[in-house]
């Protein structure tokens, strides 16, 4: 009986030693600390999230370490600043989706065991509009409308951690592309409402 206990204990320890340690599930966050904030002649900033996630199996953005809509809120909090005045700056989040689709296998039959192929494709879209309103007005005085896309594929043997890394890569690509295009449009359409410090 004692020998049996030792055998069970030894097998348990051996299995524990053979298990692959779980990777640290921490992921890079959108960071704009190296870029200067953009100051506006406005007294208030509002963020309106009009994007309603679709509850379908194809929509997977809710599985992301940082969902694209939250990444865009983080962008606004880090980059947009007010100074003073009666104007109001509004960022409207209109689209923040990522859709998963199957990729058909290229190697079928005897070749199947020799190749690791992409099995899933992920297409992300991030769309937001920045508007400047005068006090008491419903008509914007300036508008910047940005829509960006990002696409990645996952291998058929990708682990959960691999997929989370890929998901985070999509989020970062979306928000950094959004930042580049939005800053370009701000410089073009919001010139008279910019405050330079």
C-alpha atoms as a PDB file:
ATOM      1  CA  UNK A   1       0.000   0.000   0.000  1.00  0.00           C
ATOM      2  CA  UNK A   2       2.824   2.339   0.886  1.00  0.00           C
ATOM      3  CA  UNK A   3       4.577   1.508  -2.383  1.00  0.00           C
ATOM      4  CA  UNK A   4       1.381   2.373  -4.294  1.00  0.00           C
ATOM      5  CA  UNK A   5       1.185   5.766  -2.597  1.00  0.00           C
ATOM      6  CA  UNK A   6       4.784   6.513  -3.530  1.00  0.00           C
ATOM      7  CA  UNK A   7       4.126   5.516  -7.131  1.00  0.00           C
ATOM      8  CA  UNK A   8       1.089   7.801  -7.320  1.00  0.00           C
ATOM      9  CA  UNK A   9       3.031  10.679  -5.751  1.00  0.00           C
ATOM     10  CA  UNK A  10       5.938  10.160  -8.125  1.00  0.00           C
ATOM     11  CA  UNK A  11       3.650  10.117 -11.159  1.00  0.00           C
ATOM     12  CA  UNK A  12       1.931  13.312  -9.976  1.00  0.00           C
ATOM     13  CA  UNK A  13       5.243  15.112  -9.535  1.00  0.00           C
ATOM     14  CA  UNK A  14       6.449  13.910 -12.921  1.00  0.00           C
ATOM     15  CA  UNK A  15       3.301  15.180 -14.636  1.00  0.00           C
ATOM     16  CA  UNK A  16       3.597  18.532 -12.866  1.00  0.00           C
ATOM     17  CA  UNK A  17       7.198  18.883 -14.006  1.00  0.00           C
ATOM     18  CA  UNK A  18       6.239  18.104 -17.601  1.00  0.00           C
ATOM     19  CA  UNK A  19       3.451  20.659 -17.790  1.00  0.00           C
ATOM     20  CA  UNK A  20       4.246  23.774 -19.790  1.00  0.00           C
ATOM     21  CA  UNK A  21       4.016  26.845 -17.544  1.00  0.00           C
ATOM     22  CA  UNK A  22       1.235  29.231 -18.457  1.00  0.00           C
ATOM     23  CA  UNK A  23       2.537  32.450 -20.028  1.00  0.00           C
ATOM     24  CA  UNK A  24       1.936  35.719 -18.273  1.00  0.00           C
ATOM     25  CA  UNK A  25      -1.363  36.986 -19.690  1.00  0.00           C
ATOM     26  CA  UNK A  26      -0.448  40.667 -19.719  1.00  0.00           C
ATOM     27  CA  UNK A  27      -0.598  42.655 -22.915  1.00  0.00           C
ATOM     28  CA  UNK A  28       0.620  45.980 -24.236  1.00  0.00           C
ATOM     29  CA  UNK A  29      -1.799  48.856 -23.793  1.00  0.00           C
ATOM     30  CA  UNK A  30      -2.217  51.741 -26.257  1.00  0.00           C
ATOM     31  CA  UNK A  31       0.393  54.306 -25.237  1.00  0.00           C
ATOM     32  CA  UNK A  32       0.611  57.850 -26.579  1.00  0.00           C
ATOM     33  CA  UNK A  33       2.882  59.244 -23.870  1.00  0.00           C
ATOM     34  CA  UNK A  34       5.581  60.026 -26.453  1.00  0.00           C
ATOM     35  CA  UNK A  35       3.200  62.215 -28.471  1.00  0.00           C
ATOM     36  CA  UNK A  36       2.164  65.711 -27.489  1.00  0.00           C
ATOM     37  CA  UNK A  37      -1.449  66.226 -26.384  1.00  0.00           C
ATOM     38  CA  UNK A  38      -3.672  68.164 -28.791  1.00  0.00           C
ATOM     39  CA  UNK A  39      -5.197  71.253 -27.160  1.00  0.00           C
ATOM     40  CA  UNK A  40      -8.478  72.765 -28.292  1.00  0.00           C
ATOM     41  CA  UNK A  41     -10.277  76.004 -27.643  1.00  0.00           C
ATOM     42  CA  UNK A  42     -13.079  74.242 -25.780  1.00  0.00           C
ATOM     43  CA  UNK A  43     -14.302  73.912 -22.234  1.00  0.00           C
ATOM     44  CA  UNK A  44     -15.451  70.294 -22.315  1.00  0.00           C
ATOM     45  CA  UNK A  45     -14.820  66.930 -24.011  1.00  0.00           C
ATOM     46  CA  UNK A  46     -17.441  64.211 -24.321  1.00  0.00           C
ATOM     47  CA  UNK A  47     -17.044  60.634 -25.547  1.00  0.00           C
ATOM     48  CA  UNK A  48     -20.156  59.001 -26.971  1.00  0.00           C
ATOM     49  CA  UNK A  49     -19.981  55.277 -27.664  1.00  0.00           C
ATOM     50  CA  UNK A  50     -22.654  54.570 -30.290  1.00  0.00           C
ATOM     51  CA  UNK A  51     -21.226  51.180 -31.196  1.00  0.00           C
ATOM     52  CA  UNK A  52     -23.464  48.300 -30.101  1.00  0.00           C
ATOM     53  CA  UNK A  53     -21.607  44.947 -30.216  1.00  0.00           C
ATOM     54  CA  UNK A  54     -23.357  42.334 -32.332  1.00  0.00           C
ATOM     55  CA  UNK A  55     -24.085  39.134 -30.427  1.00  0.00           C
ATOM     56  CA  UNK A  56     -23.082  36.728 -33.169  1.00  0.00           C
ATOM     57  CA  UNK A  57     -20.339  34.077 -33.184  1.00  0.00           C
ATOM     58  CA  UNK A  58     -18.501  36.015 -35.897  1.00  0.00           C
ATOM     59  CA  UNK A  59     -18.077  39.126 -33.744  1.00  0.00           C
ATOM     60  CA  UNK A  60     -15.161  38.418 -31.406  1.00  0.00           C
ATOM     61  CA  UNK A  61     -14.018  41.844 -30.175  1.00  0.00           C
ATOM     62  CA  UNK A  62     -15.350  41.051 -26.682  1.00  0.00           C
ATOM     63  CA  UNK A  63     -12.600  38.394 -26.406  1.00  0.00           C
ATOM     64  CA  UNK A  64      -9.830  40.959 -26.841  1.00  0.00           C
ATOM     65  CA  UNK A  65      -7.531  41.927 -23.941  1.00  0.00           C
ATOM     66  CA  UNK A  66      -8.434  45.551 -24.770  1.00  0.00           C
ATOM     67  CA  UNK A  67     -11.575  45.899 -26.875  1.00  0.00           C
ATOM     68  CA  UNK A  68     -11.184  48.442 -29.704  1.00  0.00           C
ATOM     69  CA  UNK A  69     -13.809  50.830 -28.293  1.00  0.00           C
ATOM     70  CA  UNK A  70     -11.921  51.017 -24.980  1.00  0.00           C
ATOM     71  CA  UNK A  71      -8.680  51.601 -26.879  1.00  0.00           C
ATOM     72  CA  UNK A  72     -10.285  54.566 -28.631  1.00  0.00           C
ATOM     73  CA  UNK A  73     -11.487  55.979 -25.309  1.00  0.00           C
ATOM     74  CA  UNK A  74      -7.926  55.632 -24.020  1.00  0.00           C
ATOM     75  CA  UNK A  75      -6.658  57.490 -27.098  1.00  0.00           C
ATOM     76  CA  UNK A  76      -9.051  60.365 -26.417  1.00  0.00           C
ATOM     77  CA  UNK A  77      -8.080  60.539 -22.745  1.00  0.00           C
ATOM     78  CA  UNK A  78      -4.382  60.616 -23.588  1.00  0.00           C
ATOM     79  CA  UNK A  79      -4.344  62.918 -26.620  1.00  0.00           C
ATOM     80  CA  UNK A  80      -7.274  65.357 -26.456  1.00  0.00           C
ATOM     81  CA  UNK A  81      -7.123  68.365 -24.114  1.00  0.00           C
ATOM     82  CA  UNK A  82      -9.303  71.417 -23.542  1.00  0.00           C
ATOM     83  CA  UNK A  83      -8.210  74.903 -22.484  1.00  0.00           C
ATOM     84  CA  UNK A  84     -11.206  77.180 -21.926  1.00  0.00           C
ATOM     85  CA  UNK A  85     -14.246  78.606 -23.656  1.00  0.00           C
ATOM     86  CA  UNK A  86     -17.833  77.696 -24.467  1.00  0.00           C
ATOM     87  CA  UNK A  87     -17.082  75.228 -27.242  1.00  0.00           C
ATOM     88  CA  UNK A  88     -17.616  71.515 -26.692  1.00  0.00           C
ATOM     89  CA  UNK A  89     -15.561  68.744 -28.280  1.00  0.00           C
ATOM     90  CA  UNK A  90     -17.335  65.420 -28.895  1.00  0.00           C
ATOM     91  CA  UNK A  91     -15.824  62.101 -29.993  1.00  0.00           C
ATOM     92  CA  UNK A  92     -18.416  59.656 -31.316  1.00  0.00           C
ATOM     93  CA  UNK A  93     -17.371  55.987 -31.537  1.00  0.00           C
ATOM     94  CA  UNK A  94     -19.375  54.562 -34.427  1.00  0.00           C
ATOM     95  CA  UNK A  95     -17.713  51.234 -35.187  1.00  0.00           C
ATOM     96  CA  UNK A  96     -15.349  49.050 -33.155  1.00  0.00           C
ATOM     97  CA  UNK A  97     -15.867  45.547 -34.466  1.00  0.00           C
ATOM     98  CA  UNK A  98     -13.716  42.525 -35.241  1.00  0.00           C
ATOM     99  CA  UNK A  99     -15.172  39.741 -37.368  1.00  0.00           C
ATOM    100  CA  UNK A 100     -13.808  36.200 -37.491  1.00  0.00           C
ATOM    101  CA  UNK A 101     -14.023  34.054 -40.641  1.00  0.00           C
ATOM    102  CA  UNK A 102     -12.724  30.631 -41.639  1.00  0.00           C
ATOM    103  CA  UNK A 103      -9.823  30.266 -44.057  1.00  0.00           C
ATOM    104  CA  UNK A 104     -10.213  27.265 -46.416  1.00  0.00           C
ATOM    105  CA  UNK A 105      -7.471  24.665 -46.141  1.00  0.00           C
ATOM    106  CA  UNK A 106      -4.971  24.616 -48.986  1.00  0.00           C
ATOM    107  CA  UNK A 107      -3.403  21.237 -48.267  1.00  0.00           C
ATOM    108  CA  UNK A 108      -5.898  18.386 -48.143  1.00  0.00           C
ATOM    109  CA  UNK A 109      -5.317  14.649 -47.892  1.00  0.00           C
ATOM    110  CA  UNK A 110      -1.850  13.246 -47.305  1.00  0.00           C
ATOM    111  CA  UNK A 111      -0.302  16.747 -47.288  1.00  0.00           C
ATOM    112  CA  UNK A 112      -2.463  17.796 -44.361  1.00  0.00           C
ATOM    113  CA  UNK A 113      -0.109  16.377 -41.741  1.00  0.00           C
ATOM    114  CA  UNK A 114       2.949  18.197 -43.111  1.00  0.00           C
ATOM    115  CA  UNK A 115       1.721  21.787 -43.089  1.00  0.00           C
ATOM    116  CA  UNK A 116       0.435  24.180 -40.428  1.00  0.00           C
ATOM    117  CA  UNK A 117      -1.900  26.610 -42.117  1.00  0.00           C
ATOM    118  CA  UNK A 118      -3.832  29.719 -41.152  1.00  0.00           C
ATOM    119  CA  UNK A 119      -7.337  28.669 -40.147  1.00  0.00           C
ATOM    120  CA  UNK A 120      -8.986  31.927 -39.007  1.00  0.00           C
ATOM    121  CA  UNK A 121      -8.970  35.469 -40.328  1.00  0.00           C
ATOM    122  CA  UNK A 122      -9.835  38.512 -38.222  1.00  0.00           C
ATOM    123  CA  UNK A 123     -10.908  41.824 -39.755  1.00  0.00           C
ATOM    124  CA  UNK A 124     -11.174  44.823 -37.467  1.00  0.00           C
ATOM    125  CA  UNK A 125     -12.733  48.203 -38.138  1.00  0.00           C
ATOM    126  CA  UNK A 126     -12.537  51.311 -35.972  1.00  0.00           C
ATOM    127  CA  UNK A 127     -14.572  54.371 -36.916  1.00  0.00           C
ATOM    128  CA  UNK A 128     -14.943  57.599 -34.990  1.00  0.00           C
ATOM    129  CA  UNK A 129     -15.984  61.177 -35.606  1.00  0.00           C
ATOM    130  CA  UNK A 130     -14.652  64.235 -33.798  1.00  0.00           C
ATOM    131  CA  UNK A 131     -16.937  67.274 -33.705  1.00  0.00           C
ATOM    132  CA  UNK A 132     -16.651  70.808 -32.359  1.00  0.00           C
ATOM    133  CA  UNK A 133     -19.857  72.491 -31.184  1.00  0.00           C
ATOM    134  CA  UNK A 134     -20.531  76.043 -30.124  1.00  0.00           C
ATOM    135  CA  UNK A 135     -22.481  76.517 -26.901  1.00  0.00           C
ATOM    136  CA  UNK A 136     -26.163  75.749 -27.411  1.00  0.00           C
ATOM    137  CA  UNK A 137     -25.723  74.646 -31.028  1.00  0.00           C
ATOM    138  CA  UNK A 138     -26.561  71.257 -32.543  1.00  0.00           C
ATOM    139  CA  UNK A 139     -24.608  71.943 -35.716  1.00  0.00           C
ATOM    140  CA  UNK A 140     -20.880  71.174 -35.536  1.00  0.00           C
ATOM    141  CA  UNK A 141     -18.448  73.901 -36.532  1.00  0.00           C
ATOM    142  CA  UNK A 142     -15.741  71.393 -37.447  1.00  0.00           C
ATOM    143  CA  UNK A 143     -15.766  67.661 -38.169  1.00  0.00           C
ATOM    144  CA  UNK A 144     -13.108  64.983 -38.604  1.00  0.00           C
ATOM    145  CA  UNK A 145     -14.331  61.554 -39.681  1.00  0.00           C
ATOM    146  CA  UNK A 146     -11.902  58.612 -39.512  1.00  0.00           C
ATOM    147  CA  UNK A 147     -12.309  54.933 -40.366  1.00  0.00           C
ATOM    148  CA  UNK A 148      -9.414  52.459 -40.257  1.00  0.00           C
ATOM    149  CA  UNK A 149      -9.039  48.704 -40.724  1.00  0.00           C
ATOM    150  CA  UNK A 150      -6.676  45.954 -39.606  1.00  0.00           C
ATOM    151  CA  UNK A 151      -6.451  42.299 -40.585  1.00  0.00           C
ATOM    152  CA  UNK A 152      -4.612  39.313 -39.121  1.00  0.00           C
ATOM    153  CA  UNK A 153      -4.781  35.527 -39.447  1.00  0.00           C
ATOM    154  CA  UNK A 154      -4.241  32.773 -36.857  1.00  0.00           C
ATOM    155  CA  UNK A 155      -2.597  29.411 -37.457  1.00  0.00           C
ATOM    156  CA  UNK A 156      -4.658  26.298 -36.877  1.00  0.00           C
ATOM    157  CA  UNK A 157      -2.435  25.248 -33.953  1.00  0.00           C
ATOM    158  CA  UNK A 158      -2.463  28.669 -32.264  1.00  0.00           C
ATOM    159  CA  UNK A 159      -2.780  28.516 -28.489  1.00  0.00           C
ATOM    160  CA  UNK A 160      -5.099  30.701 -26.464  1.00  0.00           C
ATOM    161  CA  UNK A 161      -2.148  32.945 -25.609  1.00  0.00           C
ATOM    162  CA  UNK A 162      -1.162  33.175 -29.293  1.00  0.00           C
ATOM    163  CA  UNK A 163      -4.674  34.285 -30.176  1.00  0.00           C
ATOM    164  CA  UNK A 164      -4.749  36.858 -27.394  1.00  0.00           C
ATOM    165  CA  UNK A 165      -1.450  38.283 -28.657  1.00  0.00           C
ATOM    166  CA  UNK A 166      -2.873  38.454 -32.160  1.00  0.00           C
ATOM    167  CA  UNK A 167      -6.085  40.088 -30.893  1.00  0.00           C
ATOM    168  CA  UNK A 168      -4.063  42.704 -29.053  1.00  0.00           C
ATOM    169  CA  UNK A 169      -1.989  43.320 -32.182  1.00  0.00           C
ATOM    170  CA  UNK A 170      -5.208  44.124 -34.056  1.00  0.00           C
ATOM    171  CA  UNK A 171      -6.350  46.551 -31.357  1.00  0.00           C
ATOM    172  CA  UNK A 172      -3.016  48.370 -31.353  1.00  0.00           C
ATOM    173  CA  UNK A 173      -2.917  48.551 -35.155  1.00  0.00           C
ATOM    174  CA  UNK A 174      -6.428  50.007 -35.250  1.00  0.00           C
ATOM    175  CA  UNK A 175      -5.897  52.682 -32.616  1.00  0.00           C
ATOM    176  CA  UNK A 176      -2.458  53.759 -33.867  1.00  0.00           C
ATOM    177  CA  UNK A 177      -3.739  54.052 -37.437  1.00  0.00           C
ATOM    178  CA  UNK A 178      -6.717  55.985 -36.120  1.00  0.00           C
ATOM    179  CA  UNK A 179      -4.392  58.347 -34.260  1.00  0.00           C
ATOM    180  CA  UNK A 180      -2.324  59.061 -37.375  1.00  0.00           C
ATOM    181  CA  UNK A 181      -5.305  59.804 -39.597  1.00  0.00           C
ATOM    182  CA  UNK A 182      -7.249  61.742 -36.951  1.00  0.00           C
ATOM    183  CA  UNK A 183      -4.288  64.005 -36.208  1.00  0.00           C
ATOM    184  CA  UNK A 184      -3.944  64.696 -39.933  1.00  0.00           C
ATOM    185  CA  UNK A 185      -7.604  65.673 -40.184  1.00  0.00           C
ATOM    186  CA  UNK A 186      -7.466  67.766 -36.995  1.00  0.00           C
ATOM    187  CA  UNK A 187      -4.608  69.749 -38.499  1.00  0.00           C
ATOM    188  CA  UNK A 188      -6.696  70.245 -41.627  1.00  0.00           C
ATOM    189  CA  UNK A 189     -10.201  70.930 -40.274  1.00  0.00           C
ATOM    190  CA  UNK A 190      -9.692  72.215 -36.719  1.00  0.00           C
ATOM    191  CA  UNK A 191      -6.996  74.825 -37.340  1.00  0.00           C
ATOM    192  CA  UNK A 192      -8.939  77.739 -35.871  1.00  0.00           C
ATOM    193  CA  UNK A 193      -9.823  75.753 -32.738  1.00  0.00           C
ATOM    194  CA  UNK A 194      -6.320  74.496 -31.962  1.00  0.00           C
ATOM    195  CA  UNK A 195      -4.318  75.932 -29.069  1.00  0.00           C
ATOM    196  CA  UNK A 196      -0.578  75.444 -29.279  1.00  0.00           C
ATOM    197  CA  UNK A 197       1.469  75.073 -26.105  1.00  0.00           C
END
